[in-house]
Amino acid sequence: MQLIVQSDGTVRCVYGEMIDLLSLGPQQIRRASFVEPDAAGAWHVDLAPSGGPHLGPFPCRSQALLAELEWLEQAHLPDCPVSSMGSRSND
């Protein structure tokens, strides 16, 4: 889990449960993407809520989630002005 700590103490990350984020203080969470299957059972990542692309299709949900996480951490998370970004799943 990648945490970006700014000079003012704000922490940004893709939401996960590996670390108790509540222990870091109040949270501001917003959806960063959607991971959904199509009618044929292939998985697609819609990063539009973060201003990103559509990725896929992927044969497995786990592959779609990995692609989603990689894009968010590499392309978007460093520039995101919120303290915590989105949920990685639709559970």
Foldseek 3Di string as FASTA:
>chain_A
DDWDADPVRQIEDADDDPDPCVVSPDFDEDAQWAWDADPVGFIWIGRVVQPDHIDDRHNDSVVRLVVVRVCCVPPGRVPDPGRYYHHSYDD
